[in-house]
């Protein structure tokens, strides 16, 4: 199943995922979190990219000491790999305090809670 399809399914079922984030200068390893939105973001410079908002709940992080889990984070979808929907885990609560379903950045949303 494609990465985008897995993220959409995780949002629709509200199941946590495990994944790896393979961006240069980021700590490698497994992360776990709750996917809240997948969207197309256009930067002020006009660069277009596909992003995902995930409430990270466990795993490796560059900022866990500054911002303990859970923390609302944005990832580049093209840097995600090894995504697994954690079917045996309970459904997560649909909203994190930093999640705003009406955020202007979701104007080109693919899927969101």
PDB file of N, CA and C in Angstrom:
ATOM      1  N   UNK A   1       0.840  -1.174   0.000  1.00  0.00           N
ATOM      2  CA  UNK A   1       0.000   0.000   0.000  1.00  0.00           C
ATOM      3  C   UNK A   1       0.892   1.248   0.000  1.00  0.00           C
ATOM      4  N   UNK A   2       0.501   2.251  -0.746  1.00  0.00           N
ATOM      5  CA  UNK A   2       1.282   3.482  -0.863  1.00  0.00           C
ATOM      6  C   UNK A   2       1.256   4.267   0.453  1.00  0.00           C
ATOM      7  N   UNK A   3       2.283   5.081   0.653  1.00  0.00           N
ATOM      8  CA  UNK A   3       2.402   5.882   1.871  1.00  0.00           C
ATOM      9  C   UNK A   3       1.164   6.740   2.081  1.00  0.00           C
ATOM     10  N   UNK A   4       0.735   7.431   1.045  1.00  0.00           N
ATOM     11  CA  UNK A   4      -0.437   8.300   1.172  1.00  0.00           C
ATOM     12  C   UNK A   4      -1.668   7.504   1.588  1.00  0.00           C
ATOM     13  N   UNK A   5      -1.870   6.332   0.989  1.00  0.00           N
ATOM     14  CA  UNK A   5      -3.025   5.494   1.342  1.00  0.00           C
ATOM     15  C   UNK A   5      -2.971   5.059   2.806  1.00  0.00           C
ATOM     16  N   UNK A   6      -1.791   4.705   3.288  1.00  0.00           N
ATOM     17  CA  UNK A   6      -1.648   4.302   4.687  1.00  0.00           C
ATOM     18  C   UNK A   6      -1.970   5.458   5.635  1.00  0.00           C
ATOM     19  N   UNK A   7      -1.499   6.651   5.303  1.00  0.00           N
ATOM     20  CA  UNK A   7      -1.771   7.816   6.158  1.00  0.00           C
ATOM     21  C   UNK A   7      -3.258   8.153   6.176  1.00  0.00           C
ATOM     22  N   UNK A   8      -3.901   8.069   5.021  1.00  0.00           N
ATOM     23  CA  UNK A   8      -5.345   8.327   4.952  1.00  0.00           C
ATOM     24  C   UNK A   8      -6.101   7.304   5.782  1.00  0.00           C
ATOM     25  N   UNK A   9      -5.743   6.040   5.650  1.00  0.00           N
ATOM     26  CA  UNK A   9      -6.405   4.997   6.438  1.00  0.00           C
ATOM     27  C   UNK A   9      -6.204   5.225   7.937  1.00  0.00           C
ATOM     28  N   UNK A  10      -5.008   5.615   8.330  1.00  0.00           N
ATOM     29  CA  UNK A  10      -4.735   5.876   9.751  1.00  0.00           C
ATOM     30  C   UNK A  10      -5.598   7.026  10.269  1.00  0.00           C
ATOM     31  N   UNK A  11      -5.778   8.054   9.458  1.00  0.00           N
ATOM     32  CA  UNK A  11      -6.642   9.171   9.860  1.00  0.00           C
ATOM     33  C   UNK A  11      -8.089   8.705   9.976  1.00  0.00           C
ATOM     34  N   UNK A  12      -8.559   7.988   8.982  1.00  0.00           N
ATOM     35  CA  UNK A  12      -9.959   7.552   8.968  1.00  0.00           C
ATOM     36  C   UNK A  12     -10.290   6.594  10.101  1.00  0.00           C
ATOM     37  N   UNK A  13      -9.336   5.746  10.465  1.00  0.00           N
ATOM     38  CA  UNK A  13      -9.583   4.765  11.529  1.00  0.00           C
ATOM     39  C   UNK A  13      -9.108   5.256  12.896  1.00  0.00           C
ATOM     40  N   UNK A  14      -8.376   6.396  12.898  1.00  0.00           N
ATOM     41  CA  UNK A  14      -7.793   6.964  14.115  1.00  0.00           C
ATOM     42  C   UNK A  14      -6.904   5.956  14.837  1.00  0.00           C
ATOM     43  N   UNK A  15      -6.113   5.253  14.063  1.00  0.00           N
ATOM     44  CA  UNK A  15      -5.151   4.300  14.615  1.00  0.00           C
ATOM     45  C   UNK A  15      -3.753   4.908  14.564  1.00  0.00           C
ATOM     46  N   UNK A  16      -2.953   4.700  15.595  1.00  0.00           N
ATOM     47  CA  UNK A  16      -1.580   5.197  15.565  1.00  0.00           C
ATOM     48  C   UNK A  16      -0.757   4.459  14.508  1.00  0.00           C
ATOM     49  N   UNK A  17       0.341   5.085  14.134  1.00  0.00           N
ATOM     50  CA  UNK A  17       1.256   4.475  13.169  1.00  0.00           C
ATOM     51  C   UNK A  17       2.671   4.458  13.751  1.00  0.00           C
ATOM     52  N   UNK A  18       3.478   3.533  13.247  1.00  0.00           N
ATOM     53  CA  UNK A  18       4.922   3.612  13.466  1.00  0.00           C
ATOM     54  C   UNK A  18       5.507   3.970  12.103  1.00  0.00           C
ATOM     55  N   UNK A  19       6.605   4.704  12.118  1.00  0.00           N
ATOM     56  CA  UNK A  19       7.210   5.156  10.871  1.00  0.00           C
ATOM     57  C   UNK A  19       8.649   5.580  11.113  1.00  0.00           C
ATOM     58  N   UNK A  20       9.369   5.733  10.020  1.00  0.00           N
ATOM     59  CA  UNK A  20      10.724   6.280  10.069  1.00  0.00           C
ATOM     60  C   UNK A  20      10.731   7.565   9.274  1.00  0.00           C
ATOM     61  N   UNK A  21      11.518   8.528   9.751  1.00  0.00           N
ATOM     62  CA  UNK A  21      11.647   9.822   9.082  1.00  0.00           C
ATOM     63  C   UNK A  21      13.080   9.930   8.586  1.00  0.00           C
ATOM     64  N   UNK A  22      13.244   9.921   7.283  1.00  0.00           N
ATOM     65  CA  UNK A  22      14.567   9.829   6.655  1.00  0.00           C
ATOM     66  C   UNK A  22      15.035  11.161   6.092  1.00  0.00           C
ATOM     67  N   UNK A  23      14.900  12.211   6.844  1.00  0.00           N
ATOM     68  CA  UNK A  23      15.323  13.533   6.403  1.00  0.00           C
ATOM     69  C   UNK A  23      16.768  13.772   6.866  1.00  0.00           C
ATOM     70  N   UNK A  24      17.599  14.344   5.997  1.00  0.00           N
ATOM     71  CA  UNK A  24      18.983  14.633   6.406  1.00  0.00           C
ATOM     72  C   UNK A  24      19.025  15.477   7.683  1.00  0.00           C
ATOM     73  N   UNK A  25      19.978  15.192   8.515  1.00  0.00           N
ATOM     74  CA  UNK A  25      20.212  15.898   9.787  1.00  0.00           C
ATOM     75  C   UNK A  25      19.142  15.625  10.844  1.00  0.00           C
ATOM     76  N   UNK A  26      18.315  14.603  10.639  1.00  0.00           N
ATOM     77  CA  UNK A  26      17.338  14.195  11.650  1.00  0.00           C
ATOM     78  C   UNK A  26      17.762  12.841  12.220  1.00  0.00           C
ATOM     79  N   UNK A  27      17.466  12.627  13.476  1.00  0.00           N
ATOM     80  CA  UNK A  27      17.829  11.373  14.127  1.00  0.00           C
ATOM     81  C   UNK A  27      17.099  10.210  13.453  1.00  0.00           C
ATOM     82  N   UNK A  28      17.841   9.201  12.985  1.00  0.00           N
ATOM     83  CA  UNK A  28      17.176   8.051  12.356  1.00  0.00           C
ATOM     84  C   UNK A  28      16.549   7.145  13.415  1.00  0.00           C
ATOM     85  N   UNK A  29      15.540   6.408  12.998  1.00  0.00           N
ATOM     86  CA  UNK A  29      14.915   5.437  13.885  1.00  0.00           C
ATOM     87  C   UNK A  29      13.408   5.521  13.852  1.00  0.00           C
ATOM     88  N   UNK A  30      12.796   4.615  14.585  1.00  0.00           N
ATOM     89  CA  UNK A  30      11.340   4.497  14.606  1.00  0.00           C
ATOM     90  C   UNK A  30      10.695   5.577  15.461  1.00  0.00           C
ATOM     91  N   UNK A  31       9.586   6.090  14.945  1.00  0.00           N
ATOM     92  CA  UNK A  31       8.751   7.046  15.652  1.00  0.00           C
ATOM     93  C   UNK A  31       7.334   6.471  15.695  1.00  0.00           C
ATOM     94  N   UNK A  32       6.555   6.880  16.669  1.00  0.00           N
ATOM     95  CA  UNK A  32       5.159   6.445  16.784  1.00  0.00           C
ATOM     96  C   UNK A  32       4.306   7.685  16.985  1.00  0.00           C
ATOM     97  N   UNK A  33       3.149   7.707  16.327  1.00  0.00           N
ATOM     98  CA  UNK A  33       2.292   8.874  16.484  1.00  0.00           C
ATOM     99  C   UNK A  33       0.918   8.704  15.890  1.00  0.00           C
ATOM    100  N   UNK A  34       0.124   9.752  16.077  1.00  0.00           N
ATOM    101  CA  UNK A  34      -1.265   9.789  15.638  1.00  0.00           C
ATOM    102  C   UNK A  34      -1.395  10.799  14.500  1.00  0.00           C
ATOM    103  N   UNK A  35      -1.761  10.307  13.321  1.00  0.00           N
ATOM    104  CA  UNK A  35      -1.854  11.147  12.129  1.00  0.00           C
ATOM    105  C   UNK A  35      -3.136  11.970  12.170  1.00  0.00           C
ATOM    106  N   UNK A  36      -3.000  13.292  12.029  1.00  0.00           N
ATOM    107  CA  UNK A  36      -4.153  14.188  12.083  1.00  0.00           C
ATOM    108  C   UNK A  36      -4.532  14.792  10.734  1.00  0.00           C
ATOM    109  N   UNK A  37      -3.561  15.039   9.854  1.00  0.00           N
ATOM    110  CA  UNK A  37      -3.878  15.658   8.562  1.00  0.00           C
ATOM    111  C   UNK A  37      -2.761  15.421   7.558  1.00  0.00           C
ATOM    112  N   UNK A  38      -3.161  15.255   6.300  1.00  0.00           N
ATOM    113  CA  UNK A  38      -2.245  15.208   5.170  1.00  0.00           C
ATOM    114  C   UNK A  38      -2.686  16.324   4.232  1.00  0.00           C
ATOM    115  N   UNK A  39      -1.739  17.151   3.794  1.00  0.00           N
ATOM    116  CA  UNK A  39      -2.124  18.329   3.030  1.00  0.00           C
ATOM    117  C   UNK A  39      -0.991  18.797   2.121  1.00  0.00           C
ATOM    118  N   UNK A  40      -1.364  19.590   1.127  1.00  0.00           N
ATOM    119  CA  UNK A  40      -0.409  20.216   0.230  1.00  0.00           C
ATOM    120  C   UNK A  40      -0.140  21.605   0.793  1.00  0.00           C
ATOM    121  N   UNK A  41       1.141  21.938   0.958  1.00  0.00           N
ATOM    122  CA  UNK A  41       1.512  23.238   1.510  1.00  0.00           C
ATOM    123  C   UNK A  41       2.347  23.999   0.491  1.00  0.00           C
ATOM    124  N   UNK A  42       1.955  25.223   0.246  1.00  0.00           N
ATOM    125  CA  UNK A  42       2.713  26.104  -0.635  1.00  0.00           C
ATOM    126  C   UNK A  42       3.428  27.123   0.233  1.00  0.00           C
ATOM    127  N   UNK A  43       4.744  27.141   0.146  1.00  0.00           N
ATOM    128  CA  UNK A  43       5.531  28.078   0.953  1.00  0.00           C
ATOM    129  C   UNK A  43       5.384  29.493   0.418  1.00  0.00           C
ATOM    130  N   UNK A  44       5.842  30.455   1.185  1.00  0.00           N
ATOM    131  CA  UNK A  44       5.797  31.850   0.744  1.00  0.00           C
ATOM    132  C   UNK A  44       6.622  32.059  -0.519  1.00  0.00           C
ATOM    133  N   UNK A  45       7.626  31.205  -0.727  1.00  0.00           N
ATOM    134  CA  UNK A  45       8.466  31.286  -1.932  1.00  0.00           C
ATOM    135  C   UNK A  45       7.843  30.550  -3.119  1.00  0.00           C
ATOM    136  N   UNK A  46       6.662  29.931  -2.901  1.00  0.00           N
ATOM    137  CA  UNK A  46       5.964  29.233  -3.976  1.00  0.00           C
ATOM    138  C   UNK A  46       6.312  27.764  -4.111  1.00  0.00           C
ATOM    139  N   UNK A  47       7.118  27.223  -3.193  1.00  0.00           N
ATOM    140  CA  UNK A  47       7.479  25.810  -3.241  1.00  0.00           C
ATOM    141  C   UNK A  47       6.309  24.974  -2.728  1.00  0.00           C
ATOM    142  N   UNK A  48       5.957  23.924  -3.464  1.00  0.00           N
ATOM    143  CA  UNK A  48       4.830  23.059  -3.112  1.00  0.00           C
ATOM    144  C   UNK A  48       5.358  21.733  -2.586  1.00  0.00           C
ATOM    145  N   UNK A  49       4.804  21.284  -1.446  1.00  0.00           N
ATOM    146  CA  UNK A  49       5.193  19.984  -0.887  1.00  0.00           C
ATOM    147  C   UNK A  49       4.010  19.376  -0.160  1.00  0.00           C
ATOM    148  N   UNK A  50       4.067  18.062  -0.009  1.00  0.00           N
ATOM    149  CA  UNK A  50       3.024  17.346   0.720  1.00  0.00           C
ATOM    150  C   UNK A  50       3.515  17.119   2.141  1.00  0.00           C
ATOM    151  N   UNK A  51       2.701  17.499   3.099  1.00  0.00           N
ATOM    152  CA  UNK A  51       3.053  17.430   4.517  1.00  0.00           C
ATOM    153  C   UNK A  51       2.049  16.564   5.264  1.00  0.00           C
ATOM    154  N   UNK A  52       2.460  16.155   6.443  1.00  0.00           N
ATOM    155  CA  UNK A  52       1.572  15.414   7.328  1.00  0.00           C
ATOM    156  C   UNK A  52       1.765  15.936   8.749  1.00  0.00           C
ATOM    157  N   UNK A  53       0.659  16.184   9.434  1.00  0.00           N
ATOM    158  CA  UNK A  53       0.697  16.554  10.849  1.00  0.00           C
ATOM    159  C   UNK A  53       0.471  15.291  11.665  1.00  0.00           C
ATOM    160  N   UNK A  54       1.416  15.003  12.537  1.00  0.00           N
ATOM    161  CA  UNK A  54       1.361  13.824  13.392  1.00  0.00           C
ATOM    162  C   UNK A  54       1.621  14.258  14.824  1.00  0.00           C
ATOM    163  N   UNK A  55       0.815  13.756  15.749  1.00  0.00           N
ATOM    164  CA  UNK A  55       1.112  13.947  17.166  1.00  0.00           C
ATOM    165  C   UNK A  55       2.027  12.796  17.541  1.00  0.00           C
ATOM    166  N   UNK A  56       3.325  13.092  17.655  1.00  0.00           N
ATOM    167  CA  UNK A  56       4.286  12.040  17.983  1.00  0.00           C
ATOM    168  C   UNK A  56       4.171  11.700  19.461  1.00  0.00           C
ATOM    169  N   UNK A  57       4.042  10.399  19.746  1.00  0.00           N
ATOM    170  CA  UNK A  57       3.836   9.934  21.116  1.00  0.00           C
ATOM    171  C   UNK A  57       5.014   9.143  21.674  1.00  0.00           C
ATOM    172  N   UNK A  58       5.912   8.673  20.794  1.00  0.00           N
ATOM    173  CA  UNK A  58       7.045   7.871  21.253  1.00  0.00           C
ATOM    174  C   UNK A  58       8.075   7.783  20.136  1.00  0.00           C
ATOM    175  N   UNK A  59       9.228   7.227  20.464  1.00  0.00           N
ATOM    176  CA  UNK A  59      10.271   6.996  19.482  1.00  0.00           C
ATOM    177  C   UNK A  59      11.367   8.024  19.548  1.00  0.00           C
ATOM    178  N   UNK A  60      12.195   8.027  18.513  1.00  0.00           N
ATOM    179  CA  UNK A  60      13.326   8.944  18.477  1.00  0.00           C
ATOM    180  C   UNK A  60      12.860  10.349  18.117  1.00  0.00           C
ATOM    181  N   UNK A  61      13.642  11.342  18.533  1.00  0.00           N
ATOM    182  CA  UNK A  61      13.301  12.730  18.252  1.00  0.00           C
ATOM    183  C   UNK A  61      14.527  13.603  18.487  1.00  0.00           C
ATOM    184  N   UNK A  62      14.613  14.667  17.723  1.00  0.00           N
ATOM    185  CA  UNK A  62      15.691  15.640  17.933  1.00  0.00           C
ATOM    186  C   UNK A  62      15.337  16.631  19.035  1.00  0.00           C
ATOM    187  N   UNK A  63      14.064  16.728  19.385  1.00  0.00           N
ATOM    188  CA  UNK A  63      13.620  17.765  20.318  1.00  0.00           C
ATOM    189  C   UNK A  63      12.867  17.225  21.532  1.00  0.00           C
ATOM    190  N   UNK A  64      12.944  15.930  21.792  1.00  0.00           N
ATOM    191  CA  UNK A  64      12.164  15.367  22.892  1.00  0.00           C
ATOM    192  C   UNK A  64      12.537  15.993  24.238  1.00  0.00           C
ATOM    193  N   UNK A  65      13.772  16.436  24.389  1.00  0.00           N
ATOM    194  CA  UNK A  65      14.174  17.045  25.660  1.00  0.00           C
ATOM    195  C   UNK A  65      13.622  18.457  25.802  1.00  0.00           C
ATOM    196  N   UNK A  66      13.417  19.137  24.663  1.00  0.00           N
ATOM    197  CA  UNK A  66      12.849  20.483  24.681  1.00  0.00           C
ATOM    198  C   UNK A  66      11.322  20.445  24.733  1.00  0.00           C
ATOM    199  N   UNK A  67      10.747  19.499  24.004  1.00  0.00           N
ATOM    200  CA  UNK A  67       9.297  19.369  23.911  1.00  0.00           C
ATOM    201  C   UNK A  67       8.944  17.901  24.147  1.00  0.00           C
ATOM    202  N   UNK A  68       8.617  17.529  25.363  1.00  0.00           N
ATOM    203  CA  UNK A  68       8.306  16.120  25.637  1.00  0.00           C
ATOM    204  C   UNK A  68       7.054  15.641  24.890  1.00  0.00           C
ATOM    205  N   UNK A  69       6.959  14.346  24.726  1.00  0.00           N
ATOM    206  CA  UNK A  69       5.785  13.749  24.069  1.00  0.00           C
ATOM    207  C   UNK A  69       4.568  13.858  24.959  1.00  0.00           C
ATOM    208  N   UNK A  70       3.376  13.899  24.373  1.00  0.00           N
ATOM    209  CA  UNK A  70       3.124  13.984  22.930  1.00  0.00           C
ATOM    210  C   UNK A  70       3.383  15.398  22.420  1.00  0.00           C
ATOM    211  N   UNK A  71       3.786  15.461  21.162  1.00  0.00           N
ATOM    212  CA  UNK A  71       4.031  16.765  20.561  1.00  0.00           C
ATOM    213  C   UNK A  71       3.530  16.768  19.119  1.00  0.00           C
ATOM    214  N   UNK A  72       2.899  17.856  18.731  1.00  0.00           N
ATOM    215  CA  UNK A  72       2.329  18.041  17.403  1.00  0.00           C
ATOM    216  C   UNK A  72       3.451  18.434  16.442  1.00  0.00           C
ATOM    217  N   UNK A  73       3.665  17.624  15.409  1.00  0.00           N
ATOM    218  CA  UNK A  73       4.791  17.854  14.506  1.00  0.00           C
ATOM    219  C   UNK A  73       4.375  17.744  13.048  1.00  0.00           C
ATOM    220  N   UNK A  74       5.125  18.440  12.197  1.00  0.00           N
ATOM    221  CA  UNK A  74       4.886  18.379  10.765  1.00  0.00           C
ATOM    222  C   UNK A  74       6.064  17.666  10.109  1.00  0.00           C
ATOM    223  N   UNK A  75       5.740  16.711   9.239  1.00  0.00           N
ATOM    224  CA  UNK A  75       6.751  15.934   8.529  1.00  0.00           C
ATOM    225  C   UNK A  75       6.522  16.061   7.026  1.00  0.00           C
ATOM    226  N   UNK A  76       7.602  15.946   6.257  1.00  0.00           N
ATOM    227  CA  UNK A  76       7.507  15.874   4.799  1.00  0.00           C
ATOM    228  C   UNK A  76       7.136  14.442   4.431  1.00  0.00           C
ATOM    229  N   UNK A  77       6.071  14.273   3.678  1.00  0.00           N
ATOM    230  CA  UNK A  77       5.597  12.928   3.359  1.00  0.00           C
ATOM    231  C   UNK A  77       6.645  12.136   2.567  1.00  0.00           C
ATOM    232  N   UNK A  78       7.423  12.823   1.727  1.00  0.00           N
ATOM    233  CA  UNK A  78       8.407  12.098   0.911  1.00  0.00           C
ATOM    234  C   UNK A  78       9.571  11.568   1.734  1.00  0.00           C
ATOM    235  N   UNK A  79       9.698  12.004   2.985  1.00  0.00           N
ATOM    236  CA  UNK A  79      10.764  11.527   3.853  1.00  0.00           C
ATOM    237  C   UNK A  79      10.308  10.424   4.816  1.00  0.00           C
ATOM    238  N   UNK A  80       9.053   9.995   4.697  1.00  0.00           N
ATOM    239  CA  UNK A  80       8.531   8.921   5.554  1.00  0.00           C
ATOM    240  C   UNK A  80       8.765   7.567   4.893  1.00  0.00           C
ATOM    241  N   UNK A  81       9.007   6.555   5.723  1.00  0.00           N
ATOM    242  CA  UNK A  81       9.116   5.187   5.216  1.00  0.00           C
ATOM    243  C   UNK A  81       8.709   4.209   6.313  1.00  0.00           C
ATOM    244  N   UNK A  82       8.574   2.957   5.922  1.00  0.00           N
ATOM    245  CA  UNK A  82       8.249   1.863   6.844  1.00  0.00           C
ATOM    246  C   UNK A  82       7.041   2.187   7.726  1.00  0.00           C
ATOM    247  N   UNK A  83       5.996   2.721   7.118  1.00  0.00           N
ATOM    248  CA  UNK A  83       4.784   3.065   7.863  1.00  0.00           C
ATOM    249  C   UNK A  83       3.980   1.795   8.119  1.00  0.00           C
ATOM    250  N   UNK A  84       3.600   1.628   9.376  1.00  0.00           N
ATOM    251  CA  UNK A  84       2.764   0.493   9.774  1.00  0.00           C
ATOM    252  C   UNK A  84       1.630   1.043  10.629  1.00  0.00           C
ATOM    253  N   UNK A  85       0.400   0.711  10.261  1.00  0.00           N
ATOM    254  CA  UNK A  85      -0.744   1.079  11.097  1.00  0.00           C
ATOM    255  C   UNK A  85      -0.790   0.094  12.256  1.00  0.00           C
ATOM    256  N   UNK A  86      -0.825   0.619  13.453  1.00  0.00           N
ATOM    257  CA  UNK A  86      -0.787  -0.216  14.662  1.00  0.00           C
ATOM    258  C   UNK A  86      -2.210  -0.640  15.036  1.00  0.00           C
ATOM    259  N   UNK A  87      -2.675  -1.649  14.322  1.00  0.00           N
ATOM    260  CA  UNK A  87      -4.066  -2.118  14.450  1.00  0.00           C
ATOM    261  C   UNK A  87      -4.409  -2.573  15.863  1.00  0.00           C
ATOM    262  N   UNK A  88      -3.455  -3.149  16.576  1.00  0.00           N
ATOM    263  CA  UNK A  88      -3.735  -3.683  17.915  1.00  0.00           C
ATOM    264  C   UNK A  88      -3.881  -2.578  18.961  1.00  0.00           C
ATOM    265  N   UNK A  89      -3.463  -1.368  18.633  1.00  0.00           N
ATOM    266  CA  UNK A  89      -3.568  -0.248  19.573  1.00  0.00           C
ATOM    267  C   UNK A  89      -4.977   0.338  19.547  1.00  0.00           C
ATOM    268  N   UNK A  90      -5.413   0.923  20.647  1.00  0.00           N
ATOM    269  CA  UNK A  90      -6.734   1.569  20.646  1.00  0.00           C
ATOM    270  C   UNK A  90      -6.737   2.816  19.759  1.00  0.00           C
ATOM    271  N   UNK A  91      -7.918   3.213  19.337  1.00  0.00           N
ATOM    272  CA  UNK A  91      -8.064   4.454  18.572  1.00  0.00           C
ATOM    273  C   UNK A  91      -7.622   5.619  19.441  1.00  0.00           C
ATOM    274  N   UNK A  92      -7.014   6.609  18.819  1.00  0.00           N
ATOM    275  CA  UNK A  92      -6.583   7.781  19.577  1.00  0.00           C
ATOM    276  C   UNK A  92      -7.682   8.831  19.596  1.00  0.00           C
ATOM    277  N   UNK A  93      -7.590   9.696  20.581  1.00  0.00           N
ATOM    278  CA  UNK A  93      -8.526  10.816  20.663  1.00  0.00           C
ATOM    279  C   UNK A  93      -8.288  11.713  19.452  1.00  0.00           C
ATOM    280  N   UNK A  94      -9.333  12.210  18.824  1.00  0.00           N
ATOM    281  CA  UNK A  94      -9.166  12.888  17.549  1.00  0.00           C
ATOM    282  C   UNK A  94      -8.525  14.268  17.583  1.00  0.00           C
ATOM    283  N   UNK A  95      -8.392  14.862  18.739  1.00  0.00           N
ATOM    284  CA  UNK A  95      -7.846  16.222  18.727  1.00  0.00           C
ATOM    285  C   UNK A  95      -6.742  16.401  19.750  1.00  0.00           C
ATOM    286  N   UNK A  96      -5.682  17.028  19.314  1.00  0.00           N
ATOM    287  CA  UNK A  96      -4.588  17.458  20.179  1.00  0.00           C
ATOM    288  C   UNK A  96      -4.779  18.948  20.383  1.00  0.00           C
ATOM    289  N   UNK A  97      -4.335  19.488  21.490  1.00  0.00           N
ATOM    290  CA  UNK A  97      -4.543  20.908  21.788  1.00  0.00           C
ATOM    291  C   UNK A  97      -3.988  21.841  20.711  1.00  0.00           C
ATOM    292  N   UNK A  98      -2.967  21.417  19.971  1.00  0.00           N
ATOM    293  CA  UNK A  98      -2.391  22.261  18.923  1.00  0.00           C
ATOM    294  C   UNK A  98      -3.036  22.030  17.556  1.00  0.00           C
ATOM    295  N   UNK A  99      -3.920  21.046  17.450  1.00  0.00           N
ATOM    296  CA  UNK A  99      -4.566  20.758  16.170  1.00  0.00           C
ATOM    297  C   UNK A  99      -5.728  21.712  15.945  1.00  0.00           C
ATOM    298  N   UNK A 100      -5.706  22.392  14.814  1.00  0.00           N
ATOM    299  CA  UNK A 100      -6.785  23.303  14.445  1.00  0.00           C
ATOM    300  C   UNK A 100      -7.309  22.871  13.079  1.00  0.00           C
ATOM    301  N   UNK A 101      -8.454  22.187  13.032  1.00  0.00           N
ATOM    302  CA  UNK A 101      -8.965  21.692  11.750  1.00  0.00           C
ATOM    303  C   UNK A 101      -9.313  22.812  10.770  1.00  0.00           C
ATOM    304  N   UNK A 102      -9.376  24.043  11.244  1.00  0.00           N
ATOM    305  CA  UNK A 102      -9.714  25.186  10.393  1.00  0.00           C
ATOM    306  C   UNK A 102      -8.486  26.027  10.015  1.00  0.00           C
ATOM    307  N   UNK A 103      -7.286  25.503  10.298  1.00  0.00           N
ATOM    308  CA  UNK A 103      -6.053  26.204   9.985  1.00  0.00           C
ATOM    309  C   UNK A 103      -5.995  26.513   8.495  1.00  0.00           C
ATOM    310  N   UNK A 104      -5.581  27.721   8.139  1.00  0.00           N
ATOM    311  CA  UNK A 104      -5.526  28.158   6.744  1.00  0.00           C
ATOM    312  C   UNK A 104      -4.597  27.291   5.896  1.00  0.00           C
ATOM    313  N   UNK A 105      -3.616  26.636   6.500  1.00  0.00           N
ATOM    314  CA  UNK A 105      -2.709  25.744   5.775  1.00  0.00           C
ATOM    315  C   UNK A 105      -3.388  24.495   5.242  1.00  0.00           C
ATOM    316  N   UNK A 106      -4.600  24.203   5.723  1.00  0.00           N
ATOM    317  CA  UNK A 106      -5.344  23.033   5.245  1.00  0.00           C
ATOM    318  C   UNK A 106      -6.236  23.353   4.052  1.00  0.00           C
ATOM    319  N   UNK A 107      -6.016  24.481   3.392  1.00  0.00           N
ATOM    320  CA  UNK A 107      -6.875  24.822   2.248  1.00  0.00           C
ATOM    321  C   UNK A 107      -6.755  23.786   1.133  1.00  0.00           C
ATOM    322  N   UNK A 108      -5.611  23.116   1.043  1.00  0.00           N
ATOM    323  CA  UNK A 108      -5.415  22.042   0.057  1.00  0.00           C
ATOM    324  C   UNK A 108      -5.241  20.715   0.786  1.00  0.00           C
ATOM    325  N   UNK A 109      -6.181  20.401   1.657  1.00  0.00           N
ATOM    326  CA  UNK A 109      -6.104  19.189   2.462  1.00  0.00           C
ATOM    327  C   UNK A 109      -6.431  17.961   1.616  1.00  0.00           C
ATOM    328  N   UNK A 110      -5.745  16.889   1.894  1.00  0.00           N
ATOM    329  CA  UNK A 110      -6.024  15.600   1.260  1.00  0.00           C
ATOM    330  C   UNK A 110      -6.942  14.800   2.172  1.00  0.00           C
ATOM    331  N   UNK A 111      -6.604  14.776   3.454  1.00  0.00           N
ATOM    332  CA  UNK A 111      -7.434  14.089   4.465  1.00  0.00           C
ATOM    333  C   UNK A 111      -7.086  14.687   5.817  1.00  0.00           C
ATOM    334  N   UNK A 112      -8.087  14.835   6.666  1.00  0.00           N
ATOM    335  CA  UNK A 112      -7.855  15.298   8.022  1.00  0.00           C
ATOM    336  C   UNK A 112      -8.957  14.774   8.916  1.00  0.00           C
ATOM    337  N   UNK A 113      -8.674  14.843  10.220  1.00  0.00           N
ATOM    338  CA  UNK A 113      -9.686  14.434  11.189  1.00  0.00           C
ATOM    339  C   UNK A 113     -10.748  15.498  11.217  1.00  0.00           C
TER     340      UNK A 113
END
